Protein backbone atom coordinates (compact mmCIF):
# COMPACT_ATOMS: atom_id res chain seq x y z
CA MET A 1 -0.02 -0.01 0.02
CA ARG A 2 2.84 2.41 0.87
CA LYS A 3 4.55 1.68 -2.40
CA ILE A 4 1.29 2.41 -4.14
CA LEU A 5 0.92 5.72 -2.28
CA LYS A 6 4.51 6.61 -3.04
CA GLY A 7 4.16 5.79 -6.63
CA LEU A 8 0.97 7.88 -6.81
CA LEU A 9 2.68 10.84 -5.09
CA LEU A 10 5.69 10.58 -7.42
CA PHE A 11 3.41 10.63 -10.47
CA VAL A 12 1.41 13.57 -9.12
CA LEU A 13 4.57 15.56 -8.46
CA THR A 14 6.13 14.71 -11.73
CA ALA A 15 3.00 15.84 -13.62
CA ALA A 16 2.87 19.04 -11.61
CA ILE A 17 6.52 19.85 -12.54
CA THR A 18 5.95 18.98 -16.06
CA ILE A 19 2.89 21.13 -16.32
CA PHE A 20 4.76 24.00 -14.49
CA THR A 21 7.69 23.74 -16.90
CA MET A 22 5.47 23.76 -19.90
CA ASN A 23 3.71 27.05 -18.62
CA LEU A 24 7.16 28.66 -18.23
CA ASN A 25 7.59 28.29 -22.01
CA ALA A 26 4.01 28.64 -23.24
CA PHE A 27 2.32 32.12 -23.66
CA ALA A 28 -0.85 31.16 -25.53
CA MET A 29 -0.63 34.33 -27.52
CA SER A 30 -0.92 33.41 -31.07
CA ASP A 31 -3.51 32.58 -33.91
CA VAL A 32 -1.40 29.74 -34.97
CA PRO A 33 0.04 28.28 -31.66
CA ASP A 34 1.46 25.25 -33.49
CA TYR A 35 3.99 27.52 -35.10
CA PHE A 36 4.31 30.68 -32.96
CA ASP A 37 3.65 31.63 -29.34
CA PHE A 38 4.15 35.13 -28.14
CA GLN A 39 4.47 36.76 -24.68
CA ASP A 40 2.33 39.54 -26.09
CA THR A 41 0.74 40.44 -29.42
CA VAL A 42 0.27 44.08 -28.71
CA LEU A 43 2.97 46.33 -27.43
CA SER A 44 3.32 50.14 -26.55
CA ILE A 45 6.75 51.65 -27.42
CA ASN A 46 7.84 55.22 -27.47
CA ALA A 47 9.38 56.42 -30.63
CA GLY A 48 13.20 56.11 -30.27
CA GLU A 49 12.91 53.24 -27.75
CA THR A 50 12.95 49.36 -27.69
CA LYS A 51 11.10 46.64 -25.92
CA THR A 52 12.23 43.05 -25.45
CA MET A 53 9.77 40.12 -25.00
CA SER A 54 9.85 36.20 -25.06
CA MET A 55 8.56 34.23 -27.99
CA ARG A 56 8.59 30.57 -29.10
CA ALA A 57 8.98 29.59 -32.65
CA ASN A 58 8.62 25.83 -33.54
CA TYR A 59 10.10 26.35 -36.81
CA ASN A 60 12.62 28.78 -38.37
CA TYR A 61 10.94 31.98 -39.34
CA THR A 62 11.32 35.38 -40.93
CA TYR A 63 9.62 38.72 -40.46
CA TYR A 64 8.33 41.60 -42.47
CA LEU A 65 7.42 45.02 -41.40
CA GLY A 66 4.11 46.66 -42.31
CA PRO A 67 3.81 50.36 -43.38
CA HIS A 68 6.42 52.43 -41.38
CA THR A 69 8.60 55.51 -42.00
CA SER A 70 11.76 54.95 -40.01
CA ALA A 71 14.76 53.05 -41.15
CA ALA A 72 15.47 52.47 -37.49
CA THR A 73 12.26 50.52 -37.00
CA TYR A 74 13.09 46.79 -37.09
CA LEU A 75 13.19 43.50 -35.09
CA GLU A 76 16.24 42.14 -33.51
CA CYS A 77 15.71 38.38 -33.56
CA SER A 78 17.43 34.89 -34.28
CA TYR A 79 15.27 33.74 -37.20
CA ALA A 80 15.59 30.30 -35.59
CA SER A 81 13.32 27.88 -33.93
CA GLY A 82 13.13 27.83 -30.14
CA THR A 83 12.20 29.88 -27.13
CA GLN A 84 13.96 33.19 -27.36
CA ASN A 85 13.92 36.95 -26.59
CA VAL A 86 13.20 39.30 -29.50
CA THR A 87 13.73 43.04 -29.32
CA PHE A 88 11.38 45.53 -31.11
CA HIS A 89 13.17 48.74 -32.24
CA ILE A 90 11.15 51.88 -33.11
CA GLY A 91 13.00 54.78 -34.68
CA ALA A 92 12.92 58.05 -33.23
CA ASP A 93 11.65 59.53 -36.49
CA GLU A 94 8.86 56.91 -36.79
CA THR A 95 5.64 58.61 -37.57
CA VAL A 96 3.28 55.54 -38.17
CA LYS A 97 1.02 55.05 -34.93
CA ASN A 98 0.52 51.43 -35.44
CA VAL A 99 3.50 49.27 -36.79
CA PHE A 100 2.84 45.60 -37.58
CA PHE A 101 5.60 43.00 -37.39
CA TYR A 102 4.64 39.90 -39.47
CA PHE A 103 6.12 36.68 -38.62
CA TYR A 104 6.41 33.92 -41.30
CA VAL A 105 7.42 30.31 -41.20
CA ASP A 106 10.61 29.95 -43.32
CA ASP A 107 11.57 26.27 -42.91
CA ASP A 108 12.06 23.39 -45.24
CA ARG A 109 10.13 21.17 -42.87
CA VAL A 110 6.89 23.26 -43.62
CA GLN A 111 5.77 23.41 -47.21
CA ASN A 112 3.09 26.21 -46.53
CA LYS A 113 5.15 29.45 -46.52
CA ASP A 114 1.95 31.57 -45.98
CA ILE A 115 1.64 30.65 -42.21
CA GLU A 116 1.79 33.98 -40.68
CA ASP A 117 1.13 35.72 -37.22
CA ASN A 118 1.91 39.25 -36.17
CA VAL A 119 2.63 41.61 -33.29
CA GLU A 120 1.24 45.09 -33.22
CA VAL A 121 3.15 47.99 -31.81
CA TYR A 122 1.41 51.15 -30.68
CA VAL A 123 4.04 53.86 -31.11
CA GLN A 124 3.82 56.45 -28.43
CA ASN A 125 5.22 60.00 -28.17
CA ILE A 126 5.59 60.34 -32.01
CA GLN A 127 7.89 63.41 -32.76
CA THR A 128 6.19 65.98 -34.89
CA THR A 129 8.50 67.31 -37.60
CA TYR A 130 8.07 70.05 -40.25
CA GLU A 131 9.35 70.76 -43.72
CA SER A 132 10.01 74.34 -42.68
CA ILE A 133 10.52 76.18 -39.37
CA SER A 134 10.86 79.71 -38.42
CA VAL A 135 14.16 81.02 -36.70
CA THR A 136 15.42 84.18 -35.32
CA LEU A 137 18.53 85.39 -37.01
CA GLY A 138 21.45 87.25 -35.38
CA ASP A 139 20.01 90.68 -36.55
CA GLY A 140 16.72 89.86 -34.86
CA LYS A 141 14.85 89.38 -38.13
CA THR A 142 12.88 86.16 -38.88
CA GLY A 143 14.33 83.57 -41.32
CA THR A 144 13.45 80.02 -42.11
CA VAL A 145 15.06 76.65 -42.19
CA SER A 146 13.63 74.28 -44.81
CA LYS A 147 14.32 70.78 -45.73
CA ASN A 148 15.59 69.62 -49.18
CA GLY A 149 15.73 65.85 -48.82
CA ASN A 150 17.98 65.21 -45.91
CA THR A 151 19.62 68.74 -46.02
CA ALA A 152 18.32 71.68 -44.05
CA ILE A 153 18.83 75.10 -45.61
CA MET A 154 18.52 78.35 -43.63
CA TYR A 155 17.15 81.41 -45.55
CA ASN A 156 17.07 85.03 -44.54
CA GLN A 157 14.07 87.27 -44.37
CA ASP A 158 14.30 87.87 -48.06
CA ASN A 159 14.29 84.08 -48.73
CA VAL A 160 17.94 83.99 -49.71
CA ALA A 161 19.85 80.93 -48.84
CA MET A 162 22.55 81.52 -46.08
CA ALA A 163 23.82 78.13 -45.00
CA SER A 164 23.09 74.58 -44.88
CA PHE A 165 23.70 71.36 -42.92
CA ALA A 166 22.99 67.71 -43.09
CA LEU A 167 23.43 64.67 -40.83
CA SER A 168 25.88 61.78 -41.24
CA ASN A 169 25.45 58.18 -39.94
CA ASN A 170 29.29 58.15 -39.70
CA ASN A 171 29.83 55.50 -42.39
CA GLY A 172 29.93 57.83 -45.26
CA HIS A 173 26.18 58.02 -45.76
CA SER A 174 23.65 60.72 -44.98
CA ALA A 175 21.16 60.21 -42.06
CA THR A 176 17.55 61.24 -41.99
CA ASN A 177 16.74 64.62 -40.66
CA GLY A 178 13.36 65.70 -39.36
CA LEU A 179 13.10 69.31 -38.30
CA LYS A 180 11.34 69.90 -34.99
CA GLY A 181 12.33 73.58 -34.13
CA VAL A 182 14.87 75.37 -32.08
CA VAL A 183 16.08 74.51 -28.48
CA GLU A 184 18.50 76.08 -26.20
CA ASN A 185 21.41 74.85 -24.17
CA GLY A 186 23.48 77.94 -23.41
CA ALA A 187 23.15 78.62 -27.13
CA LYS A 188 20.67 77.79 -29.85
CA TYR A 189 20.55 74.34 -31.43
CA PHE A 190 18.45 73.06 -34.39
CA ASP A 191 16.06 70.44 -32.79
CA VAL A 192 15.84 67.43 -35.12
CA VAL A 193 15.02 63.68 -35.10
CA SER A 194 16.93 60.96 -37.03
CA ALA A 195 16.76 57.31 -37.64
CA ASN A 196 20.36 57.10 -36.56
CA PRO A 197 20.60 57.99 -32.76
CA ASN A 198 24.43 58.63 -33.25
CA ALA A 199 24.08 61.01 -36.18
CA THR A 200 26.40 63.90 -36.27
CA PRO A 201 26.13 67.20 -38.18
CA VAL A 202 27.97 67.91 -41.41
CA VAL A 203 28.59 71.52 -42.42
CA SER A 204 31.16 73.37 -44.44
CA GLU A 205 33.40 75.75 -42.61
CA SER A 206 31.93 78.82 -44.28
CA ASP A 207 28.42 77.61 -43.38
CA LYS A 208 29.42 76.89 -39.85
CA GLY A 209 30.69 80.43 -39.56
CA VAL A 210 27.22 81.67 -40.82
CA PHE A 211 25.35 79.53 -38.25
CA ILE A 212 27.46 80.52 -35.46
CA ALA A 213 27.12 84.28 -36.30
CA ASN A 214 23.46 83.81 -36.07
CA GLY A 215 23.71 82.19 -32.71
CA PHE A 216 23.52 78.54 -33.69
CA ALA A 217 25.93 76.20 -32.05
CA GLY A 218 24.90 72.91 -33.61
CA VAL A 219 22.13 70.45 -33.68
CA CYS A 220 20.19 68.42 -31.03
CA VAL A 221 19.80 64.94 -32.46
CA ASN A 222 17.13 62.89 -30.76
CA GLY A 223 17.67 64.90 -27.54
CA ASN A 224 21.50 64.80 -27.80
CA TYR A 225 23.23 68.17 -28.14
CA LYS A 226 26.08 68.21 -30.77
CA ASN A 227 28.14 71.17 -31.67
CA TRP A 228 29.21 71.85 -35.25
CA PRO A 229 32.45 69.81 -35.97
């Protein structure tokens, strides 16, 4: 009788441990749980920030992004099967309020390549940017700074171009440049957002002199103050 009770107790404990272990790896957040299982399927992330969550993929996978505006919006993942952490990146210059990350099975063991599930990200604190902003020049008159692609050009009150600057992603390519306005940190800075959080200003020596003469010491990129080089 004791052996039967011991055996029954061992069975119950083993079953409980098995169920507990399975629950650690099961999130039950998926339309296709035989293929994907997510900790969450809806996330809120501020523009310029990231969020990491757990997921399980029973097969190798890939992902595609729905409509988005920032080159810095992407998923950091393994693309491999198994339980893993994935990190959702939302670019500081993202302007789409609801960004969808679509997960697709990409595994030779599964013939149907249309198996899909998704995670929706509500983008919070989207930074409003403008094609043109008003600025106060060194003589007290009002000029403008306008975008031409990823270049920002400052014009005087007579709409004559005075100087321009761009942003670099530090590998020889230009970075995105979204104009927000002007901020002060002991001197005036052009307030901009960029897909590259480490972007730095690019300006000619002559144009730098013009900006400094009009009180502008550099740019503030995604909240980081950077003087003219």
